[in-house]
Amino acid sequence: MDPYEVLRDWLEHTPLVQRTRQDYDTEVREWIGYAGEHVWAAQPVDVARWAGQARATRSRARRVSSVRGFYTHAQTLNPTQHNPALHSLRPNVTELPPGRPPLDPPTVALLVTALDRYTGPQAQRARALGYLILGIPHLRAHQAVALDLTDLVREQHRHTLNTTLKTGGRRLIEAPPAVVLAVHDYLPHRKTRPPHSTTEAGPLLTSNTGRRLDGHTTPTAILRAVAATHPLLAGLGRAITSDALAATPSPWPLAQPAGALPDDRIIGTPTRLVLHEHDHYRGWQEAGHLVELPATPHTHRQLRELLTAHLTYLTDEVADIWFDENKPAPHTRTFQNSARLQAEHHALLAGYQVAAHDADGTLLARIDHQGRIHHGPFEAP
């Protein structure tokens, strides 16, 4: 096989942003020149020696990743080809300071608020995009844009995303319920235009003409436009980037506490969602009746998703009472210090939970701002 033809074929058929494609092309061409006629017989020690010529840790990691992706593609053309760029050769860069630092929890809470309240162009798409990058660990903008409609897979007890790796492979990643609900809210508003997209196929996130978004510039522009609508994020500017969100821990963890109920267990018939406020002396107290629900039985999974979907909306209504300086209210607090105001906002969210009650007022379950579900008296002894 001609290594340069393999390289060209790999880069043409792998969804990468232009900068990454150029970096991979440069690195692999250097590797082919270094390996020469032994490029298809190279050993891990050869890759390690070549990658070690780069001074910076991130540069060495990029060299290994580039060559590993190149050989992974070569294996699709020749299954007998071995891959000398072992994953263990790649330096661990997760502890190094990223190019764009991750957002802190108060800023994440504010950004989620902005996403939920955004009313600009294709608001549902902007919310789905933000939830995908925030909620799926290490999902970068180009991976979110590369998702097709069929890549969201419903399994028996969860949803997964079939994501594209930078090296060209694929990986299934579980999606938190909040992310899935945001995507489902967007789907009825998704723009389609054959042959680029239809209601059943094509890119998940589409432009006004039904085409796939540009993964290099569009996601960042969308997220900055969303952030600019929130008074506490307007000055954040270039700190809001897709990479910064990808490096930010997900605000919607997947894991449930030990002893969580099976997803398919019917746990009751909630008829209303109630906001509960934590009082230092009295514990959790009902803070107000909020949402009426149809009287139908719910499984554990359905109730968890229902609570998660409403949690941000409902707590934001309370946050408005306390923190919106433009809407005077009996409990309005005004702070000149933006950092303190953000911290107070996050503390407020932490002090509330959304709970589900049945018609008799019995507590069925409640979910906190971190997505942890707390069971009521229905839990098996």
Protein backbone atom coordinates (compact mmCIF):
# COMPACT_ATOMS: atom_id res chain seq x y z
CA MET A 1 0.00 0.00 0.00
CA ASP A 2 1.12 3.52 -0.75
CA PRO A 3 1.23 5.20 2.70
CA TYR A 4 0.43 8.61 1.25
CA GLU A 5 -2.70 7.22 -0.45
CA VAL A 6 -3.75 5.65 2.84
CA LEU A 7 -3.21 8.99 4.58
CA ARG A 8 -5.26 10.84 1.98
CA ASP A 9 -8.08 8.30 2.17
CA TRP A 10 -8.10 8.47 5.99
CA LEU A 11 -8.32 12.25 6.15
CA GLU A 12 -10.97 12.44 3.44
CA HIS A 13 -13.29 9.96 5.17
CA THR A 14 -12.82 11.08 8.76
CA PRO A 15 -14.95 13.98 10.12
CA LEU A 16 -12.30 16.33 11.53
CA VAL A 17 -12.13 20.08 11.92
CA GLN A 18 -9.77 21.70 9.42
CA ARG A 19 -7.07 22.51 11.96
CA THR A 20 -6.97 18.94 13.29
CA ARG A 21 -6.90 17.56 9.75
CA GLN A 22 -3.92 19.75 8.91
CA ASP A 23 -2.09 18.77 12.11
CA TYR A 24 -2.63 15.06 11.45
CA ASP A 25 -1.53 15.42 7.85
CA THR A 26 1.69 17.17 8.92
CA GLU A 27 2.52 14.68 11.67
CA VAL A 28 1.85 11.54 9.62
CA ARG A 29 3.83 12.84 6.65
CA GLU A 30 6.76 13.43 8.99
CA TRP A 31 6.33 9.90 10.35
CA ILE A 32 6.24 8.37 6.86
CA GLY A 33 9.43 10.23 5.99
CA TYR A 34 11.06 9.05 9.22
CA ALA A 35 10.02 5.40 8.83
CA GLY A 36 10.77 5.26 5.11
CA GLU A 37 10.46 1.83 3.50
CA HIS A 38 9.81 0.27 6.92
CA VAL A 39 6.56 2.20 7.47
CA TRP A 40 4.45 -1.01 7.32
CA ALA A 41 6.92 -2.96 9.47
CA ALA A 42 7.52 -0.32 12.15
CA GLN A 43 7.52 -1.37 15.81
CA PRO A 44 6.33 0.44 18.95
CA VAL A 45 9.91 1.31 19.84
CA ASP A 46 10.21 3.18 16.52
CA VAL A 47 7.08 5.24 17.22
CA ALA A 48 8.26 5.98 20.77
CA ARG A 49 11.67 7.13 19.50
CA TRP A 50 10.13 9.39 16.84
CA ALA A 51 7.45 10.85 19.14
CA GLY A 52 10.09 11.48 21.80
CA GLN A 53 11.84 13.95 19.51
CA ALA A 54 9.09 16.48 20.31
CA ARG A 55 9.79 18.53 23.41
CA ALA A 56 6.27 19.33 24.64
CA THR A 57 4.15 16.59 26.20
CA ARG A 58 1.12 17.61 24.17
CA SER A 59 3.15 17.46 20.97
CA ARG A 60 4.31 13.92 21.76
CA ALA A 61 0.73 12.94 22.53
CA ARG A 62 -0.47 14.42 19.21
CA ARG A 63 2.23 12.52 17.32
CA VAL A 64 1.17 9.19 18.80
CA SER A 65 -2.53 9.92 18.25
CA SER A 66 -1.92 10.90 14.62
CA VAL A 67 0.06 7.81 13.79
CA ARG A 68 -2.32 5.57 15.71
CA GLY A 69 -5.26 6.89 13.69
CA PHE A 70 -3.32 6.43 10.46
CA TYR A 71 -2.59 2.77 11.19
CA THR A 72 -6.13 2.16 12.45
CA HIS A 73 -7.41 3.25 9.04
CA ALA A 74 -4.76 1.16 7.29
CA GLN A 75 -6.12 -1.89 9.12
CA THR A 76 -9.52 -1.36 7.44
CA LEU A 77 -7.75 -1.70 4.09
CA ASN A 78 -5.41 -4.50 5.15
CA PRO A 79 -6.62 -6.46 8.22
CA THR A 80 -3.19 -8.07 8.64
CA GLN A 81 -1.50 -4.72 9.25
CA HIS A 82 -0.45 -4.25 12.87
CA ASN A 83 -0.61 -0.91 14.67
CA PRO A 84 2.75 0.03 16.24
CA ALA A 85 1.36 3.22 17.82
CA LEU A 86 0.18 1.59 21.03
CA HIS A 87 -2.18 3.60 23.19
CA SER A 88 0.24 3.20 26.09
CA LEU A 89 2.82 5.25 24.16
CA ARG A 90 0.65 8.35 24.32
CA PRO A 91 1.57 10.59 27.28
CA ASN A 92 -1.21 11.37 29.72
CA VAL A 93 -2.14 15.02 29.20
CA THR A 94 -5.35 15.10 31.25
CA GLU A 95 -3.56 16.72 34.19
CA LEU A 96 -1.97 19.44 32.09
CA PRO A 97 -3.60 22.88 31.98
CA PRO A 98 -5.92 22.91 28.93
CA GLY A 99 -5.84 25.63 26.33
CA ARG A 100 -9.21 26.82 27.61
CA PRO A 101 -9.83 26.17 31.32
CA PRO A 102 -13.04 24.35 32.31
CA LEU A 103 -15.92 26.35 33.73
CA ASP A 104 -16.50 26.40 37.47
CA PRO A 105 -19.81 25.09 38.91
CA PRO A 106 -21.43 28.53 39.41
CA THR A 107 -20.70 29.45 35.78
CA VAL A 108 -22.07 26.11 34.60
CA ALA A 109 -25.31 26.74 36.52
CA LEU A 110 -25.63 30.15 34.86
CA LEU A 111 -24.90 28.76 31.40
CA VAL A 112 -27.54 26.04 31.80
CA THR A 113 -29.96 28.80 32.76
CA ALA A 114 -29.01 30.75 29.62
CA LEU A 115 -29.44 27.66 27.43
CA ASP A 116 -32.89 26.96 28.85
CA ARG A 117 -34.06 30.55 28.36
CA TYR A 118 -32.44 31.33 25.02
CA THR A 119 -34.94 32.61 22.44
CA GLY A 120 -32.56 33.47 19.60
CA PRO A 121 -32.24 31.73 16.21
CA GLN A 122 -32.89 27.98 16.42
CA ALA A 123 -33.11 28.11 20.22
CA GLN A 124 -33.86 24.40 20.56
CA ARG A 125 -30.78 23.53 18.52
CA ALA A 126 -28.61 25.80 20.65
CA ARG A 127 -29.92 24.14 23.81
CA ALA A 128 -29.35 20.64 22.43
CA LEU A 129 -25.82 21.56 21.35
CA GLY A 130 -24.95 23.05 24.74
CA TYR A 131 -26.41 20.10 26.64
CA LEU A 132 -24.51 17.63 24.44
CA ILE A 133 -21.11 19.28 24.95
CA LEU A 134 -21.72 19.99 28.65
CA GLY A 135 -23.39 16.70 29.51
CA ILE A 136 -21.28 14.15 27.60
CA PRO A 137 -17.80 13.94 29.17
CA HIS A 138 -15.05 15.15 26.82
CA LEU A 139 -17.39 15.42 23.81
CA ARG A 140 -15.86 18.10 21.61
CA ALA A 141 -17.69 20.37 19.21
CA HIS A 142 -16.59 18.52 16.06
CA GLN A 143 -17.84 15.24 17.58
CA ALA A 144 -21.22 16.76 18.43
CA VAL A 145 -21.53 18.18 14.92
CA ALA A 146 -20.51 14.82 13.41
CA LEU A 147 -23.43 13.04 15.09
CA ASP A 148 -26.10 11.71 12.75
CA LEU A 149 -29.75 11.30 13.64
CA THR A 150 -29.25 7.54 13.84
CA ASP A 151 -26.34 7.88 16.30
CA LEU A 152 -28.74 8.44 19.21
CA VAL A 153 -29.53 4.86 20.21
CA ARG A 154 -32.32 3.88 22.61
CA GLU A 155 -31.37 0.77 24.56
CA GLN A 156 -33.48 -1.11 27.08
CA HIS A 157 -32.56 1.05 30.06
CA ARG A 158 -30.59 3.98 28.65
CA HIS A 159 -29.70 6.11 25.64
CA THR A 160 -26.25 6.05 24.05
CA LEU A 161 -24.49 8.19 21.46
CA ASN A 162 -22.37 6.56 18.77
CA THR A 163 -19.59 9.16 18.67
CA THR A 164 -16.71 9.58 16.25
CA LEU A 165 -13.21 9.65 17.74
CA LYS A 166 -10.51 12.00 16.49
CA THR A 167 -8.57 9.00 15.21
CA GLY A 168 -11.51 7.82 13.11
CA GLY A 169 -12.92 5.08 15.34
CA ARG A 170 -16.34 4.96 16.98
CA ARG A 171 -17.38 4.71 20.62
CA LEU A 172 -20.73 4.35 22.39
CA ILE A 173 -21.18 6.85 25.23
CA GLU A 174 -24.12 6.83 27.62
CA ALA A 175 -26.12 10.07 27.60
CA PRO A 176 -27.65 11.50 30.81
CA PRO A 177 -31.46 11.83 30.75
CA ALA A 178 -31.25 15.64 30.75
CA VAL A 179 -29.19 15.54 27.53
CA VAL A 180 -31.56 13.09 25.87
CA LEU A 181 -34.57 15.25 26.74
CA ALA A 182 -32.86 18.35 25.33
CA VAL A 183 -32.18 16.51 22.06
CA HIS A 184 -35.75 15.20 21.89
CA ASP A 185 -37.08 18.73 22.48
CA TYR A 186 -35.02 19.89 19.50
CA LEU A 187 -36.00 17.16 17.01
CA PRO A 188 -39.46 18.58 16.09
CA HIS A 189 -37.67 21.85 15.16
CA ARG A 190 -34.79 20.26 13.22
CA LYS A 191 -34.35 21.76 9.72
CA THR A 192 -34.15 19.26 6.87
CA ARG A 193 -33.60 19.51 3.14
CA PRO A 194 -32.87 16.52 0.84
CA PRO A 195 -30.38 15.28 -0.12
CA HIS A 196 -28.46 16.66 2.85
CA SER A 197 -30.97 15.59 5.50
CA THR A 198 -34.44 14.12 6.00
CA THR A 199 -36.71 13.60 8.99
CA GLU A 200 -35.24 10.11 9.41
CA ALA A 201 -31.59 10.51 8.43
CA GLY A 202 -28.74 12.95 8.06
CA PRO A 203 -26.93 15.19 10.53
CA LEU A 204 -28.44 15.50 14.00
CA LEU A 205 -27.62 19.22 14.25
CA THR A 206 -28.49 21.01 11.02
CA SER A 207 -28.25 24.50 9.59
CA ASN A 208 -31.19 26.47 8.20
CA THR A 209 -30.59 24.72 4.88
CA GLY A 210 -30.55 21.24 6.42
CA ARG A 211 -26.78 20.80 6.10
CA ARG A 212 -24.30 19.70 8.75
CA LEU A 213 -22.91 22.53 10.86
CA ASP A 214 -19.30 23.65 10.54
CA GLY A 215 -17.68 22.04 13.58
CA HIS A 216 -14.78 24.51 13.69
CA THR A 217 -16.59 27.83 14.13
CA THR A 218 -20.37 27.42 14.41
CA PRO A 219 -20.68 25.72 17.86
CA THR A 220 -18.51 28.32 19.57
CA ALA A 221 -20.42 31.17 17.91
CA ILE A 222 -23.75 29.67 19.01
CA LEU A 223 -22.64 29.15 22.60
CA ARG A 224 -21.21 32.67 22.86
CA ALA A 225 -24.48 34.08 21.54
CA VAL A 226 -26.34 32.14 24.24
CA ALA A 227 -23.97 33.29 26.99
CA ALA A 228 -24.30 36.92 25.87
CA THR A 229 -28.02 36.85 26.75
CA HIS A 230 -27.31 36.27 30.45
CA PRO A 231 -26.29 39.40 32.37
CA LEU A 232 -23.82 37.46 34.51
CA LEU A 233 -22.13 35.78 31.53
CA ALA A 234 -22.01 38.68 29.11
CA GLY A 235 -18.50 39.65 30.20
CA LEU A 236 -17.12 36.14 30.01
CA GLY A 237 -16.32 36.57 26.31
CA ARG A 238 -13.80 34.18 24.84
CA ALA A 239 -13.72 31.98 27.93
CA ILE A 240 -16.90 30.37 26.58
CA THR A 241 -15.50 27.92 24.04
CA SER A 242 -16.46 24.43 22.96
CA ASP A 243 -13.19 23.07 24.34
CA ALA A 244 -13.80 24.72 27.70
CA LEU A 245 -17.23 23.08 27.90
CA ALA A 246 -15.82 19.72 26.84
CA ALA A 247 -13.28 19.92 29.68
CA THR A 248 -15.98 20.88 32.21
CA PRO A 249 -17.36 18.05 34.40
CA SER A 250 -20.92 17.14 33.45
CA PRO A 251 -23.55 18.73 35.70
CA TRP A 252 -25.74 15.65 35.12
CA PRO A 253 -23.98 12.55 36.49
CA LEU A 254 -25.08 9.15 35.27
CA ALA A 255 -24.49 7.09 38.40
CA GLN A 256 -27.32 6.65 40.87
CA PRO A 257 -26.72 6.10 44.60
CA ALA A 258 -26.23 2.59 45.89
CA GLY A 259 -29.53 0.78 46.28
CA ALA A 260 -31.28 2.65 43.45
CA LEU A 261 -34.45 0.97 42.23
CA PRO A 262 -34.66 -0.91 38.91
CA ASP A 263 -35.58 1.40 36.04
CA ASP A 264 -38.65 -0.63 35.08
CA ARG A 265 -40.20 -0.72 38.54
CA ILE A 266 -43.53 1.11 38.83
CA ILE A 267 -43.19 3.39 41.82
CA GLY A 268 -46.45 5.32 41.95
CA THR A 269 -48.72 7.85 40.29
CA PRO A 270 -47.36 11.38 40.72
CA THR A 271 -49.90 14.14 40.15
CA ARG A 272 -47.80 17.21 40.90
CA LEU A 273 -44.23 18.44 41.08
CA VAL A 274 -43.37 20.57 44.09
CA LEU A 275 -40.35 22.71 44.83
CA HIS A 276 -38.82 21.83 48.21
CA GLU A 277 -36.65 24.31 50.09
CA HIS A 278 -34.03 23.26 52.61
CA ASP A 279 -34.35 24.97 55.98
CA HIS A 280 -31.40 24.73 58.37
CA TYR A 281 -33.66 23.94 61.33
CA ARG A 282 -36.66 22.16 59.80
CA GLY A 283 -34.98 20.29 56.93
CA TRP A 284 -36.75 20.00 53.56
CA GLN A 285 -40.00 21.96 53.45
CA GLU A 286 -42.51 22.42 50.65
CA ALA A 287 -41.86 25.78 49.01
CA GLY A 288 -44.81 25.89 46.61
CA HIS A 289 -47.07 23.94 44.25
CA LEU A 290 -45.64 24.17 40.74
CA VAL A 291 -46.72 21.66 38.10
CA GLU A 292 -49.83 19.50 37.66
CA LEU A 293 -49.30 16.07 36.11
CA PRO A 294 -51.71 13.60 34.52
CA ALA A 295 -52.55 10.80 36.94
CA THR A 296 -50.69 7.92 35.26
CA PRO A 297 -48.29 5.37 36.78
CA HIS A 298 -44.59 6.02 36.35
CA THR A 299 -41.59 3.76 36.39
CA HIS A 300 -38.46 4.73 38.29
CA ARG A 301 -36.73 5.78 35.05
CA GLN A 302 -39.68 7.84 33.84
CA LEU A 303 -39.98 9.69 37.12
CA ARG A 304 -36.23 10.35 37.27
CA GLU A 305 -36.29 11.79 33.75
CA LEU A 306 -39.37 13.86 34.56
CA LEU A 307 -37.79 15.36 37.64
CA THR A 308 -34.52 16.02 35.83
CA ALA A 309 -36.28 17.74 32.94
CA HIS A 310 -38.11 20.17 35.23
CA LEU A 311 -35.40 20.75 37.82
CA THR A 312 -33.55 23.56 36.05
CA TYR A 313 -36.71 25.31 34.87
CA LEU A 314 -38.30 25.34 38.29
CA THR A 315 -35.26 26.40 40.29
CA ASP A 316 -34.63 29.18 37.79
CA GLU A 317 -38.07 30.63 38.56
CA VAL A 318 -37.06 30.93 42.20
CA ALA A 319 -33.64 32.31 41.22
CA ASP A 320 -35.40 35.11 39.37
CA ILE A 321 -37.15 36.21 42.56
CA TRP A 322 -33.90 36.41 44.44
CA PHE A 323 -31.39 37.65 41.91
CA ASP A 324 -32.94 39.52 39.01
CA GLU A 325 -32.01 43.13 39.71
CA ASN A 326 -34.35 44.31 36.94
CA LYS A 327 -37.43 42.79 38.58
CA PRO A 328 -37.81 44.17 42.11
CA ALA A 329 -39.37 41.62 44.42
CA PRO A 330 -39.81 41.30 48.19
CA HIS A 331 -36.70 39.14 48.47
CA THR A 332 -34.48 40.81 45.86
CA ARG A 333 -30.78 40.82 46.69
CA THR A 334 -28.47 43.22 44.88
CA PHE A 335 -24.72 42.64 44.73
CA GLN A 336 -22.16 44.66 42.81
CA ASN A 337 -19.66 41.79 42.93
CA SER A 338 -20.42 39.48 40.01
CA ALA A 339 -18.38 36.57 41.44
CA ARG A 340 -20.30 36.73 44.71
CA LEU A 341 -23.60 36.89 42.85
CA GLN A 342 -22.69 33.78 40.86
CA ALA A 343 -21.73 31.95 44.03
CA GLU A 344 -25.01 32.97 45.68
CA HIS A 345 -26.93 31.76 42.61
CA HIS A 346 -25.21 28.37 42.77
CA ALA A 347 -25.86 28.13 46.51
CA LEU A 348 -29.51 28.84 45.89
CA LEU A 349 -29.79 26.06 43.35
CA ALA A 350 -28.12 23.72 45.81
CA GLY A 351 -30.74 24.62 48.41
CA TYR A 352 -33.71 23.41 46.40
CA GLN A 353 -35.04 20.09 45.17
CA VAL A 354 -37.94 19.17 42.93
CA ALA A 355 -40.18 16.48 44.41
CA ALA A 356 -43.04 14.38 43.02
CA HIS A 357 -46.16 13.83 45.13
CA ASP A 358 -49.23 11.70 44.55
CA ALA A 359 -52.83 12.86 44.99
CA ASP A 360 -52.74 12.14 48.73
CA GLY A 361 -49.64 14.25 49.23
CA THR A 362 -47.34 11.25 49.75
CA LEU A 363 -43.78 11.95 48.72
CA LEU A 364 -42.75 9.62 45.91
CA ALA A 365 -39.28 10.94 45.12
CA ARG A 366 -37.21 14.06 44.79
CA ILE A 367 -34.12 14.90 42.80
CA ASP A 368 -31.40 17.37 43.77
CA HIS A 369 -29.55 19.86 41.57
CA GLN A 370 -26.81 17.29 40.87
CA GLY A 371 -29.25 14.74 39.47
CA ARG A 372 -29.27 12.43 42.50
CA ILE A 373 -32.66 10.89 43.17
CA HIS A 374 -33.90 10.47 46.75
CA HIS A 375 -36.62 7.88 47.26
CA GLY A 376 -39.78 8.27 49.31
CA PRO A 377 -41.61 5.63 51.37
CA PHE A 378 -42.13 3.39 48.33
CA GLU A 379 -38.56 2.11 48.55
CA ALA A 380 -38.35 -1.58 49.42
CA PRO A 381 -37.11 -2.24 52.99
